[in-house]
C-alpha atoms as a PDB file:
ATOM      1  CA  MET A   1      42.159  35.542 -34.582  1.00  0.00           C
ATOM      2  CA  THR A   2      45.645  34.644 -33.363  1.00  0.00           C
ATOM      3  CA  SER A   3      46.523  33.171 -36.730  1.00  0.00           C
ATOM      4  CA  GLU A   4      46.526  36.732 -38.133  1.00  0.00           C
ATOM      5  CA  SER A   5      49.638  37.532 -36.044  1.00  0.00           C
ATOM      6  CA  ARG A   6      51.602  34.780 -37.805  1.00  0.00           C
ATOM      7  CA  GLU A   7      52.858  35.063 -41.391  1.00  0.00           C
ATOM      8  CA  LEU A   8      51.169  32.352 -43.425  1.00  0.00           C
ATOM      9  CA  SER A   9      51.113  31.743 -47.126  1.00  0.00           C
ATOM     10  CA  PRO A  10      47.771  32.528 -48.733  1.00  0.00           C
ATOM     11  CA  GLU A  11      47.413  28.840 -49.573  1.00  0.00           C
ATOM     12  CA  ASN A  12      47.970  27.671 -45.974  1.00  0.00           C
ATOM     13  CA  GLU A  13      45.828  30.479 -44.579  1.00  0.00           C
ATOM     14  CA  SER A  14      42.971  29.315 -46.779  1.00  0.00           C
ATOM     15  CA  PHE A  15      43.534  25.726 -45.651  1.00  0.00           C
ATOM     16  CA  LEU A  16      43.402  26.750 -41.975  1.00  0.00           C
ATOM     17  CA  GLU A  17      40.145  28.625 -42.506  1.00  0.00           C
ATOM     18  CA  ASP A  18      38.628  25.618 -44.273  1.00  0.00           C
ATOM     19  CA  ALA A  19      39.878  23.267 -41.521  1.00  0.00           C
ATOM     20  CA  ILE A  20      38.327  25.412 -38.783  1.00  0.00           C
ATOM     21  CA  ALA A  21      35.040  25.603 -40.717  1.00  0.00           C
ATOM     22  CA  TYR A  22      35.114  21.817 -41.147  1.00  0.00           C
ATOM     23  CA  PHE A  23      35.544  21.259 -37.402  1.00  0.00           C
ATOM     24  CA  GLN A  24      32.802  23.753 -36.649  1.00  0.00           C
ATOM     25  CA  ASN A  25      30.312  21.966 -38.874  1.00  0.00           C
ATOM     26  CA  THR A  26      31.118  18.295 -38.297  1.00  0.00           C
ATOM     27  CA  VAL A  27      32.905  17.751 -34.960  1.00  0.00           C
ATOM     28  CA  SER A  28      31.154  17.871 -31.595  1.00  0.00           C
ATOM     29  CA  PRO A  29      32.546  20.158 -28.874  1.00  0.00           C
ATOM     30  CA  GLU A  30      33.356  17.118 -26.716  1.00  0.00           C
ATOM     31  CA  VAL A  31      35.517  15.468 -29.398  1.00  0.00           C
ATOM     32  CA  LEU A  32      37.234  18.761 -30.247  1.00  0.00           C
ATOM     33  CA  HIS A  33      37.946  19.414 -26.578  1.00  0.00           C
ATOM     34  CA  HIS A  34      39.550  15.978 -26.213  1.00  0.00           C
ATOM     35  CA  LEU A  35      41.672  16.496 -29.333  1.00  0.00           C
ATOM     36  CA  LEU A  36      42.980  19.854 -28.165  1.00  0.00           C
ATOM     37  CA  ASN A  37      43.674  18.854 -24.557  1.00  0.00           C
ATOM     38  CA  ASP A  38      45.198  15.423 -25.151  1.00  0.00           C
ATOM     39  CA  HIS A  39      48.765  16.053 -26.348  1.00  0.00           C
ATOM     40  CA  GLU A  40      49.269  12.580 -27.823  1.00  0.00           C
ATOM     41  CA  ALA A  41      45.947  12.718 -29.684  1.00  0.00           C
ATOM     42  CA  TRP A  42      46.854  16.118 -31.136  1.00  0.00           C
ATOM     43  CA  GLU A  43      50.314  14.974 -32.235  1.00  0.00           C
ATOM     44  CA  ARG A  44      48.814  11.951 -34.004  1.00  0.00           C
ATOM     45  CA  PHE A  45      46.287  14.205 -35.700  1.00  0.00           C
ATOM     46  CA  VAL A  46      49.007  16.620 -36.901  1.00  0.00           C
ATOM     47  CA  ALA A  47      51.235  13.788 -38.147  1.00  0.00           C
ATOM     48  CA  VAL A  48      48.481  12.059 -40.101  1.00  0.00           C
ATOM     49  CA  ALA A  49      45.896  14.647 -41.091  1.00  0.00           C
ATOM     50  CA  VAL A  50      47.904  17.864 -41.580  1.00  0.00           C
ATOM     51  CA  ALA A  51      51.423  16.631 -42.312  1.00  0.00           C
ATOM     52  CA  SER A  52      51.845  19.382 -44.922  1.00  0.00           C
ATOM     53  CA  LEU A  53      51.788  22.115 -42.220  1.00  0.00           C
ATOM     54  CA  SER A  54      54.825  23.328 -40.376  1.00  0.00           C
ATOM     55  CA  ARG A  55      54.942  23.241 -36.609  1.00  0.00           C
ATOM     56  CA  GLU A  56      54.182  26.945 -36.466  1.00  0.00           C
ATOM     57  CA  GLU A  57      51.192  26.543 -38.768  1.00  0.00           C
ATOM     58  CA  ALA A  58      49.946  23.559 -36.743  1.00  0.00           C
ATOM     59  CA  ASP A  59      50.133  25.685 -33.591  1.00  0.00           C
ATOM     60  CA  THR A  60      48.175  28.409 -35.364  1.00  0.00           C
ATOM     61  CA  LEU A  61      45.509  25.844 -36.274  1.00  0.00           C
ATOM     62  CA  ARG A  62      45.358  24.691 -32.679  1.00  0.00           C
ATOM     63  CA  GLU A  63      44.884  28.248 -31.432  1.00  0.00           C
ATOM     64  CA  GLY A  64      42.126  28.776 -33.951  1.00  0.00           C
ATOM     65  CA  LEU A  65      40.385  25.591 -32.868  1.00  0.00           C
ATOM     66  CA  ASN A  66      40.714  26.625 -29.225  1.00  0.00           C
ATOM     67  CA  ASP A  67      38.932  29.869 -30.052  1.00  0.00           C
ATOM     68  CA  LEU A  68      36.299  27.864 -31.918  1.00  0.00           C
ATOM     69  CA  THR A  69      35.790  25.582 -28.897  1.00  0.00           C
ATOM     70  CA  GLY A  70      35.107  28.567 -26.693  1.00  0.00           C
ATOM     71  CA  HIS A  71      32.553  29.939 -29.138  1.00  0.00           C
ATOM     72  CA  MET A  72      30.897  26.538 -29.517  1.00  0.00           C
ATOM     73  CA  HIS A  73      30.563  26.135 -25.741  1.00  0.00           C
ATOM     74  CA  MET A  74      29.085  29.595 -25.435  1.00  0.00           C
ATOM     75  CA  GLU A  75      26.591  28.848 -28.182  1.00  0.00           C
ATOM     76  CA  ASP A  76      25.669  25.487 -26.630  1.00  0.00           C
ATOM     77  CA  GLU A  77      25.214  27.051 -23.200  1.00  0.00           C
ATOM     78  CA  GLU A  78      23.006  29.792 -24.591  1.00  0.00           C
ATOM     79  CA  LEU A  79      20.940  27.244 -26.528  1.00  0.00           C
ATOM     80  CA  ALA A  80      20.557  25.067 -23.411  1.00  0.00           C
ATOM     81  CA  ARG A  81      19.537  28.127 -21.372  1.00  0.00           C
ATOM     82  CA  GLU A  82      16.909  29.225 -23.882  1.00  0.00           C
ATOM     83  CA  THR A  83      15.568  25.674 -24.225  1.00  0.00           C
ATOM     84  CA  PHE A  84      15.253  25.251 -20.444  1.00  0.00           C
ATOM     85  CA  LEU A  85      13.532  28.634 -20.012  1.00  0.00           C
ATOM     86  CA  ASN A  86      11.038  27.720 -22.734  1.00  0.00           C
ATOM     87  CA  VAL A  87      10.137  24.235 -21.482  1.00  0.00           C
ATOM     88  CA  PHE A  88      10.225  24.895 -17.718  1.00  0.00           C
ATOM     89  CA  PRO A  89       6.695  26.374 -17.372  1.00  0.00           C
ATOM     90  CA  GLN A  90       5.190  23.252 -18.946  1.00  0.00           C
ATOM     91  CA  LEU A  91       7.503  21.002 -16.933  1.00  0.00           C
ATOM     92  CA  LYS A  92       6.545  22.814 -13.731  1.00  0.00           C
ATOM     93  CA  ALA A  93       2.834  22.386 -14.443  1.00  0.00           C
ATOM     94  CA  GLU A  94       3.343  18.672 -15.150  1.00  0.00           C
ATOM     95  CA  LEU A  95       5.305  18.104 -11.919  1.00  0.00           C
ATOM     96  CA  GLU A  96       2.760  20.036  -9.860  1.00  0.00           C
ATOM     97  CA  ASN A  97      -0.024  17.922 -11.385  1.00  0.00           C
ATOM     98  CA  ARG A  98       1.807  14.693 -10.547  1.00  0.00           C
ATOM     99  CA  ILE A  99       2.486  15.842  -6.977  1.00  0.00           C
ATOM    100  CA  ARG A 100      -1.200  16.720  -6.544  1.00  0.00           C
ATOM    101  CA  LYS A 101      -2.322  13.335  -7.904  1.00  0.00           C
ATOM    102  CA  LEU A 102       0.080  11.464  -5.604  1.00  0.00           C
ATOM    103  CA  HIS A 103      -1.319  13.304  -2.567  1.00  0.00           C
ATOM    104  CA  GLU A 104      -4.866  12.556  -3.734  1.00  0.00           C
ATOM    105  CA  LEU A 105      -4.018   8.872  -4.113  1.00  0.00           C
ATOM    106  CA  ALA A 106      -2.417   8.810  -0.649  1.00  0.00           C
ATOM    107  CA  ASP A 107      -5.492  10.470   0.902  1.00  0.00           C
ATOM    108  CA  LYS A 108      -7.779   7.970  -0.854  1.00  0.00           C
ATOM    109  CA  VAL A 109      -5.703   5.005   0.372  1.00  0.00           C
ATOM    110  CA  ASP A 110      -5.770   6.392   3.928  1.00  0.00           C
ATOM    111  CA  LYS A 111      -9.535   6.965   3.771  1.00  0.00           C
ATOM    112  CA  VAL A 112     -10.233   3.387   2.658  1.00  0.00           C
ATOM    113  CA  HIS A 113      -7.687   2.044   5.159  1.00  0.00           C
ATOM    114  CA  LYS A 114      -9.436   3.880   8.007  1.00  0.00           C
ATOM    115  CA  ARG A 115     -12.794   2.388   7.028  1.00  0.00           C
ATOM    116  CA  CYS A 116     -11.216  -1.048   6.761  1.00  0.00           C
ATOM    117  CA  THR A 117      -9.635  -0.621  10.190  1.00  0.00           C
ATOM    118  CA  ILE A 118     -13.072   0.087  11.681  1.00  0.00           C
ATOM    119  CA  SER A 119     -14.483  -2.903   9.815  1.00  0.00           C
ATOM    120  CA  ASN A 120     -11.708  -5.133  11.151  1.00  0.00           C
ATOM    121  CA  MET A 121     -12.436  -3.906  14.683  1.00  0.00           C
ATOM    122  CA  VAL A 122     -16.049  -4.992  14.239  1.00  0.00           C
ATOM    123  CA  ALA A 123     -14.889  -8.359  12.906  1.00  0.00           C
ATOM    124  CA  SER A 124     -12.455  -8.814  15.820  1.00  0.00           C
ATOM    125  CA  SER A 125     -15.214  -7.933  18.291  1.00  0.00           C
ATOM    126  CA  THR A 126     -17.528 -10.423  16.612  1.00  0.00           C
ATOM    127  CA  GLY A 127     -14.783 -13.045  16.664  1.00  0.00           C
ATOM    128  CA  ALA A 128     -14.170 -12.415  20.357  1.00  0.00           C
ATOM    129  CA  VAL A 129     -17.884 -12.894  21.144  1.00  0.00           C
ATOM    130  CA  SER A 130     -17.846 -16.050  19.004  1.00  0.00           C
ATOM    131  CA  GLY A 131     -14.924 -17.422  20.993  1.00  0.00           C
ATOM    132  CA  LEU A 132     -16.569 -16.576  24.310  1.00  0.00           C
ATOM    133  CA  LEU A 133     -19.797 -18.313  23.298  1.00  0.00           C
ATOM    134  CA  GLY A 134     -17.757 -21.335  22.206  1.00  0.00           C
ATOM    135  CA  ILE A 135     -16.109 -21.547  25.628  1.00  0.00           C
ATOM    136  CA  LEU A 136     -19.448 -21.174  27.403  1.00  0.00           C
ATOM    137  CA  GLY A 137     -21.090 -23.749  25.126  1.00  0.00           C
ATOM    138  CA  LEU A 138     -18.375 -26.336  25.776  1.00  0.00           C
ATOM    139  CA  GLY A 139     -18.403 -25.629  29.495  1.00  0.00           C
ATOM    140  CA  LEU A 140     -22.186 -25.934  29.848  1.00  0.00           C
ATOM    141  CA  ALA A 141     -22.537 -29.010  27.606  1.00  0.00           C
ATOM    142  CA  PRO A 142     -22.729 -31.526  30.500  1.00  0.00           C
ATOM    143  CA  VAL A 143     -25.298 -29.382  32.324  1.00  0.00           C
ATOM    144  CA  THR A 144     -27.685 -28.271  29.612  1.00  0.00           C
ATOM    145  CA  ALA A 145     -27.292 -29.892  26.228  1.00  0.00           C
ATOM    146  CA  GLY A 146     -29.878 -27.862  24.299  1.00  0.00           C
ATOM    147  CA  PHE A 147     -28.709 -24.466  25.533  1.00  0.00           C
ATOM    148  CA  SER A 148     -25.089 -25.498  25.017  1.00  0.00           C
ATOM    149  CA  LEU A 149     -25.755 -26.388  21.380  1.00  0.00           C
ATOM    150  CA  THR A 150     -27.571 -23.069  20.913  1.00  0.00           C
ATOM    151  CA  LEU A 151     -24.553 -21.176  22.269  1.00  0.00           C
ATOM    152  CA  LEU A 152     -22.171 -23.148  20.071  1.00  0.00           C
ATOM    153  CA  THR A 153     -24.350 -22.611  16.998  1.00  0.00           C
ATOM    154  CA  THR A 154     -24.590 -18.880  17.677  1.00  0.00           C
ATOM    155  CA  GLY A 155     -20.836 -18.733  18.197  1.00  0.00           C
ATOM    156  CA  SER A 156     -20.242 -20.484  14.864  1.00  0.00           C
ATOM    157  CA  VAL A 157     -22.643 -18.115  13.089  1.00  0.00           C
ATOM    158  CA  LEU A 158     -20.752 -15.144  14.540  1.00  0.00           C
ATOM    159  CA  GLY A 159     -17.500 -16.833  13.507  1.00  0.00           C
ATOM    160  CA  VAL A 160     -18.770 -17.030   9.933  1.00  0.00           C
ATOM    161  CA  ALA A 161     -19.779 -13.365  10.048  1.00  0.00           C
ATOM    162  CA  ALA A 162     -16.348 -12.371  11.414  1.00  0.00           C
ATOM    163  CA  THR A 163     -14.544 -14.384   8.732  1.00  0.00           C
ATOM    164  CA  VAL A 164     -16.640 -12.926   5.922  1.00  0.00           C
ATOM    165  CA  THR A 165     -16.059  -9.411   7.263  1.00  0.00           C
ATOM    166  CA  HIS A 166     -12.290  -9.943   7.504  1.00  0.00           C
ATOM    167  CA  VAL A 167     -12.077 -11.364   3.980  1.00  0.00           C
ATOM    168  CA  SER A 168     -14.272  -8.715   2.339  1.00  0.00           C
ATOM    169  CA  THR A 169     -12.419  -5.942   4.161  1.00  0.00           C
ATOM    170  CA  SER A 170      -9.054  -7.310   3.087  1.00  0.00           C
ATOM    171  CA  LEU A 171     -10.237  -7.626  -0.522  1.00  0.00           C
ATOM    172  CA  VAL A 172     -11.479  -4.032  -0.564  1.00  0.00           C
ATOM    173  CA  GLU A 173      -8.204  -2.664   0.841  1.00  0.00           C
ATOM    174  CA  TYR A 174      -6.103  -4.897  -1.405  1.00  0.00           C
ATOM    175  CA  SER A 175      -8.007  -3.768  -4.504  1.00  0.00           C
ATOM    176  CA  ASN A 176      -7.747  -0.101  -3.543  1.00  0.00           C
ATOM    177  CA  THR A 177      -4.029  -0.325  -2.723  1.00  0.00           C
ATOM    178  CA  SER A 178      -3.204  -2.201  -5.924  1.00  0.00           C
ATOM    179  CA  SER A 179      -5.127   0.329  -7.998  1.00  0.00           C
ATOM    180  CA  ALA A 180      -3.327   3.231  -6.298  1.00  0.00           C
ATOM    181  CA  ARG A 181       0.088   1.623  -6.834  1.00  0.00           C
ATOM    182  CA  ALA A 182      -0.661   1.005 -10.514  1.00  0.00           C
ATOM    183  CA  GLU A 183      -1.739   4.617 -11.021  1.00  0.00           C
ATOM    184  CA  ALA A 184       1.239   5.933  -9.057  1.00  0.00           C
ATOM    185  CA  SER A 185       3.670   3.860 -11.133  1.00  0.00           C
ATOM    186  CA  ASP A 186       2.502   5.872 -14.164  1.00  0.00           C
ATOM    187  CA  LEU A 187       3.321   9.102 -12.331  1.00  0.00           C
ATOM    188  CA  VAL A 188       6.754   8.303 -10.876  1.00  0.00           C
ATOM    189  CA  SER A 189       9.397   5.634 -11.203  1.00  0.00           C
ATOM    190  CA  GLY A 190      10.528   3.595  -8.196  1.00  0.00           C
ATOM    191  CA  ILE A 191       7.193   2.178  -7.054  1.00  0.00           C
ATOM    192  CA  ASP A 192       8.321  -1.117  -5.539  1.00  0.00           C
ATOM    193  CA  GLN A 193       6.650  -3.968  -7.436  1.00  0.00           C
ATOM    194  CA  GLY A 194       8.103  -6.397  -4.917  1.00  0.00           C
ATOM    195  CA  ASP A 195       5.642  -5.013  -2.375  1.00  0.00           C
ATOM    196  CA  ARG A 196       2.841  -5.674  -4.827  1.00  0.00           C
ATOM    197  CA  VAL A 197       3.945  -9.295  -5.194  1.00  0.00           C
ATOM    198  CA  GLU A 198       3.992  -9.591  -1.407  1.00  0.00           C
ATOM    199  CA  LEU A 199       0.475  -8.147  -1.228  1.00  0.00           C
ATOM    200  CA  ASP A 200      -0.694 -10.680  -3.824  1.00  0.00           C
ATOM    201  CA  LEU A 201       0.804 -13.525  -1.795  1.00  0.00           C
ATOM    202  CA  GLN A 202      -0.709 -12.298   1.476  1.00  0.00           C
ATOM    203  CA  ASN A 203      -4.099 -11.877  -0.164  1.00  0.00           C
ATOM    204  CA  THR A 204      -3.980 -15.411  -1.598  1.00  0.00           C
ATOM    205  CA  MET A 205      -2.968 -16.926   1.761  1.00  0.00           C
ATOM    206  CA  LEU A 206      -5.730 -14.996   3.517  1.00  0.00           C
ATOM    207  CA  LYS A 207      -8.318 -16.388   1.096  1.00  0.00           C
ATOM    208  CA  ILE A 208      -7.116 -19.964   1.628  1.00  0.00           C
ATOM    209  CA  LEU A 209      -7.046 -19.715   5.441  1.00  0.00           C
ATOM    210  CA  SER A 210     -10.357 -17.870   5.608  1.00  0.00           C
ATOM    211  CA  LEU A 211     -12.114 -20.361   3.364  1.00  0.00           C
ATOM    212  CA  GLY A 212     -10.921 -23.173   5.633  1.00  0.00           C
ATOM    213  CA  SER A 213     -12.228 -21.389   8.726  1.00  0.00           C
ATOM    214  CA  LEU A 214     -15.505 -20.577   6.996  1.00  0.00           C
ATOM    215  CA  PHE A 215     -15.998 -24.188   5.914  1.00  0.00           C
ATOM    216  CA  ARG A 216     -15.335 -25.498   9.436  1.00  0.00           C
ATOM    217  CA  ASN A 217     -17.801 -23.071  11.006  1.00  0.00           C
ATOM    218  CA  LEU A 218     -20.493 -23.986   8.491  1.00  0.00           C
ATOM    219  CA  GLN A 219     -19.935 -27.651   9.297  1.00  0.00           C
ATOM    220  CA  LYS A 220     -20.273 -26.904  13.017  1.00  0.00           C
ATOM    221  CA  ILE A 221     -23.555 -25.048  12.443  1.00  0.00           C
ATOM    222  CA  ALA A 222     -25.001 -27.962  10.458  1.00  0.00           C
ATOM    223  CA  LYS A 223     -23.893 -30.575  13.016  1.00  0.00           C
ATOM    224  CA  ASN A 224     -25.128 -28.554  16.010  1.00  0.00           C
ATOM    225  CA  ASN A 225     -28.538 -28.014  14.398  1.00  0.00           C
ATOM    226  CA  SER A 226     -28.778 -31.726  13.603  1.00  0.00           C
ATOM    227  CA  ALA A 227     -27.748 -32.632  17.178  1.00  0.00           C
ATOM    228  CA  LYS A 228     -30.421 -30.317  18.628  1.00  0.00           C
ATOM    229  CA  LYS A 229     -33.111 -32.117  16.638  1.00  0.00           C
ATOM    230  CA  VAL A 230     -31.865 -35.533  17.775  1.00  0.00           C
ATOM    231  CA  ALA A 231     -31.693 -34.382  21.414  1.00  0.00           C
ATOM    232  CA  LYS A 232     -35.339 -33.341  21.323  1.00  0.00           C
ATOM    233  CA  VAL A 233     -36.630 -36.646  20.044  1.00  0.00           C
ATOM    234  CA  GLN A 234     -34.139 -38.938  21.821  1.00  0.00           C
ATOM    235  CA  PRO A 235     -33.482 -37.494  25.290  1.00  0.00           C
ATOM    236  CA  HIS A 236     -32.062 -40.850  26.489  1.00  0.00           C
ATOM    237  CA  LEU A 237     -29.100 -40.309  24.156  1.00  0.00           C
ATOM    238  CA  VAL A 238     -28.468 -36.978  25.855  1.00  0.00           C
ATOM    239  CA  ASP A 239     -28.168 -38.784  29.188  1.00  0.00           C
ATOM    240  CA  LYS A 240     -25.626 -41.189  27.730  1.00  0.00           C
ATOM    241  CA  ALA A 241     -23.759 -38.267  26.172  1.00  0.00           C
ATOM    242  CA  ARG A 242     -23.703 -36.499  29.524  1.00  0.00           C
ATOM    243  CA  ARG A 243     -22.072 -39.549  31.138  1.00  0.00           C
ATOM    244  CA  LEU A 244     -19.457 -39.549  28.366  1.00  0.00           C
ATOM    245  CA  MET A 245     -18.754 -35.831  28.793  1.00  0.00           C
ATOM    246  CA  THR A 246     -18.272 -36.120  32.568  1.00  0.00           C
ATOM    247  CA  GLY A 247     -15.848 -39.005  32.324  1.00  0.00           C
ATOM    248  CA  ARG A 248     -18.182 -41.730  33.531  1.00  0.00           C
ATOM    249  CA  SER A 249     -18.151 -45.114  31.841  1.00  0.00           C
ATOM    250  CA  VAL A 250     -20.583 -46.017  29.080  1.00  0.00           C
ATOM    251  CA  SER A 251     -20.941 -49.200  27.083  1.00  0.00           C
ATOM    252  CA  VAL A 252     -19.317 -49.479  23.696  1.00  0.00           C
ATOM    253  CA  ARG A 253     -22.713 -49.663  22.066  1.00  0.00           C
ATOM    254  CA  SER A 254     -23.911 -46.518  23.878  1.00  0.00           C
ATOM    255  CA  GLY A 255     -20.701 -44.730  22.943  1.00  0.00           C
ATOM    256  CA  ASN A 256     -21.212 -45.618  19.301  1.00  0.00           C
ATOM    257  CA  LEU A 257     -24.804 -44.382  19.397  1.00  0.00           C
ATOM    258  CA  VAL A 258     -23.705 -41.081  20.959  1.00  0.00           C
ATOM    259  CA  GLN A 259     -21.003 -40.620  18.325  1.00  0.00           C
ATOM    260  CA  LYS A 260     -23.458 -41.413  15.544  1.00  0.00           C
ATOM    261  CA  ALA A 261     -26.085 -39.000  16.856  1.00  0.00           C
ATOM    262  CA  PHE A 262     -23.888 -36.148  18.122  1.00  0.00           C
ATOM    263  CA  GLY A 263     -20.562 -36.684  16.346  1.00  0.00           C
ATOM    264  CA  GLY A 264     -18.670 -33.435  15.736  1.00  0.00           C
ATOM    265  CA  THR A 265     -20.472 -31.572  18.531  1.00  0.00           C
ATOM    266  CA  ALA A 266     -19.741 -30.941  22.211  1.00  0.00           C
ATOM    267  CA  LEU A 267     -22.183 -33.703  23.222  1.00  0.00           C
ATOM    268  CA  ALA A 268     -19.874 -36.364  21.777  1.00  0.00           C
ATOM    269  CA  MET A 269     -16.681 -35.057  23.374  1.00  0.00           C
ATOM    270  CA  THR A 270     -14.925 -36.605  26.319  1.00  0.00           C
ATOM    271  CA  LYS A 271     -13.962 -34.435  29.248  1.00  0.00           C
ATOM    272  CA  GLY A 272     -10.381 -34.086  28.057  1.00  0.00           C
ATOM    273  CA  ILE A 273     -11.365 -33.125  24.521  1.00  0.00           C
ATOM    274  CA  ARG A 274     -13.841 -30.547  25.809  1.00  0.00           C
ATOM    275  CA  PHE A 275     -11.158 -28.914  27.950  1.00  0.00           C
ATOM    276  CA  LEU A 276      -8.827 -28.928  24.955  1.00  0.00           C
ATOM    277  CA  GLY A 277     -11.535 -27.251  22.868  1.00  0.00           C
ATOM    278  CA  MET A 278     -12.107 -24.645  25.567  1.00  0.00           C
ATOM    279  CA  ALA A 279      -8.371 -23.940  25.734  1.00  0.00           C
ATOM    280  CA  SER A 280      -8.193 -23.554  21.935  1.00  0.00           C
ATOM    281  CA  SER A 281     -11.172 -21.222  21.957  1.00  0.00           C
ATOM    282  CA  GLY A 282      -9.484 -19.245  24.710  1.00  0.00           C
ATOM    283  CA  VAL A 283      -6.360 -18.813  22.590  1.00  0.00           C
ATOM    284  CA  PHE A 284      -8.402 -17.569  19.622  1.00  0.00           C
ATOM    285  CA  LEU A 285     -10.340 -15.285  21.949  1.00  0.00           C
ATOM    286  CA  LEU A 286      -7.083 -13.703  23.150  1.00  0.00           C
ATOM    287  CA  MET A 287      -5.949 -13.297  19.540  1.00  0.00           C
ATOM    288  CA  ASP A 288      -9.169 -11.483  18.647  1.00  0.00           C
ATOM    289  CA  VAL A 289      -8.896  -9.248  21.719  1.00  0.00           C
ATOM    290  CA  SER A 290      -5.264  -8.502  20.894  1.00  0.00           C
ATOM    291  CA  SER A 291      -6.210  -7.649  17.313  1.00  0.00           C
ATOM    292  CA  LEU A 292      -9.026  -5.432  18.576  1.00  0.00           C
ATOM    293  CA  VAL A 293      -6.638  -3.538  20.878  1.00  0.00           C
ATOM    294  CA  LYS A 294      -4.087  -3.165  18.072  1.00  0.00           C
ATOM    295  CA  GLU A 295      -6.674  -1.871  15.595  1.00  0.00           C
ATOM    296  CA  SER A 296      -8.092   0.523  18.226  1.00  0.00           C
ATOM    297  CA  ARG A 297      -4.633   1.968  18.887  1.00  0.00           C
ATOM    298  CA  HIS A 298      -3.967   2.248  15.158  1.00  0.00           C
ATOM    299  CA  LEU A 299      -7.279   4.051  14.653  1.00  0.00           C
ATOM    300  CA  HIS A 300      -6.516   6.414  17.554  1.00  0.00           C
ATOM    301  CA  GLU A 301      -3.159   7.277  15.966  1.00  0.00           C
ATOM    302  CA  GLY A 302      -4.832   8.251  12.698  1.00  0.00           C
ATOM    303  CA  ALA A 303      -4.960   4.876  10.901  1.00  0.00           C
ATOM    304  CA  ARG A 304      -2.520   5.839   8.155  1.00  0.00           C
ATOM    305  CA  ALA A 305      -1.612   3.153   5.647  1.00  0.00           C
ATOM    306  CA  GLU A 306       2.037   2.360   4.919  1.00  0.00           C
ATOM    307  CA  SER A 307       1.367   2.436   1.179  1.00  0.00           C
ATOM    308  CA  ALA A 308      -0.066   5.959   1.542  1.00  0.00           C
ATOM    309  CA  GLU A 309       3.117   7.091   3.290  1.00  0.00           C
ATOM    310  CA  VAL A 310       5.167   5.684   0.391  1.00  0.00           C
ATOM    311  CA  LEU A 311       3.080   7.714  -2.059  1.00  0.00           C
ATOM    312  CA  ARG A 312       3.599  10.863   0.014  1.00  0.00           C
ATOM    313  CA  GLN A 313       7.361  10.232   0.070  1.00  0.00           C
ATOM    314  CA  HIS A 314       7.364  10.096  -3.739  1.00  0.00           C
ATOM    315  CA  ALA A 315       5.372  13.325  -3.825  1.00  0.00           C
ATOM    316  CA  GLN A 316       7.878  14.991  -1.474  1.00  0.00           C
ATOM    317  CA  GLU A 317      10.775  13.832  -3.655  1.00  0.00           C
ATOM    318  CA  LEU A 318       9.133  15.347  -6.723  1.00  0.00           C
ATOM    319  CA  GLY A 319       8.547  18.516  -4.711  1.00  0.00           C
ATOM    320  CA  ARG A 320      12.258  18.776  -3.854  1.00  0.00           C
ATOM    321  CA  LYS A 321      13.190  18.327  -7.520  1.00  0.00           C
ATOM    322  CA  LEU A 322      10.704  21.024  -8.507  1.00  0.00           C
ATOM    323  CA  GLU A 323      12.212  23.423  -5.972  1.00  0.00           C
ATOM    324  CA  LEU A 324      15.687  22.874  -7.428  1.00  0.00           C
ATOM    325  CA  LEU A 325      14.441  23.415 -10.983  1.00  0.00           C
ATOM    326  CA  THR A 326      12.531  26.513  -9.927  1.00  0.00           C
ATOM    327  CA  GLY A 327      15.666  27.940  -8.321  1.00  0.00           C
ATOM    328  CA  LEU A 328      17.631  27.256 -11.514  1.00  0.00           C
ATOM    329  CA  TYR A 329      14.908  28.852 -13.626  1.00  0.00           C
ATOM    330  CA  GLU A 330      14.909  32.007 -11.504  1.00  0.00           C
ATOM    331  CA  SER A 331      18.709  32.276 -11.637  1.00  0.00           C
ATOM    332  CA  LEU A 332      18.675  32.050 -15.458  1.00  0.00           C
ATOM    333  CA  MET A 333      15.935  34.669 -15.935  1.00  0.00           C
END
């Protein structure tokens, strides 16, 4: 040690050895490094803690502590190296397991999403047929009341089927996606919970809107079936309804009877209201066709879910980290 090249009294030499041993046992390398490299900190330490030493002896102590710092860093580095080499195999196996599970979750989400896409295509097709039958039923109402009501009833039944299919499909995909996100959040950090909140909100809104549509279609079915029964036993009311639908004048009393017997169906609609209903049905028909085209294109492109892509991105990120750790492990071997 450098202190051996300086002439120190046995008493001070013993003190320096004790001081170095004290620092070695109680002071962290970071604190010691700061003390030795910050001139003002060192001067304060010498003035307060070791005032009995001469300047030369204080310099000898500093040299000894510098040597100690080097040894401490070497020991810490060797300990860190040995620790990393020992724990890396287990860490590697854990990361590989998490990467595999993330890919499995992504594949499962994609598989369910593809089935749901096909189911939504069926629902959109059913909805389109429902809309077409609604247009035909409204258009033929003045010509053939019974057949018109049959078309409208069938259209409403198909509308109910389409709504139920859409809702059940959405619930299945929502449940699967939520489950995958929850499991993935246990594997990696950074799974966006904000997306989950958005999914919850969308799912709730879908339920509310779908229940409203379902309720309206069920009402239409009941009213159309009731109107068909009335039309069979009271054909004279159908004639009055036909006059109302074609814009011809009817008495107030006849109008009230028509509304009471056929209210809520095409047979009680004026010409203008029927055209408005046909236009509305046409808009919904276009929406169903547009949805069908969109789902068909999505299915043709592989029907991959966005949430599955997010899971694969997390798996890729873990893969990159594993590659870096593997490279470090190999360089330390």
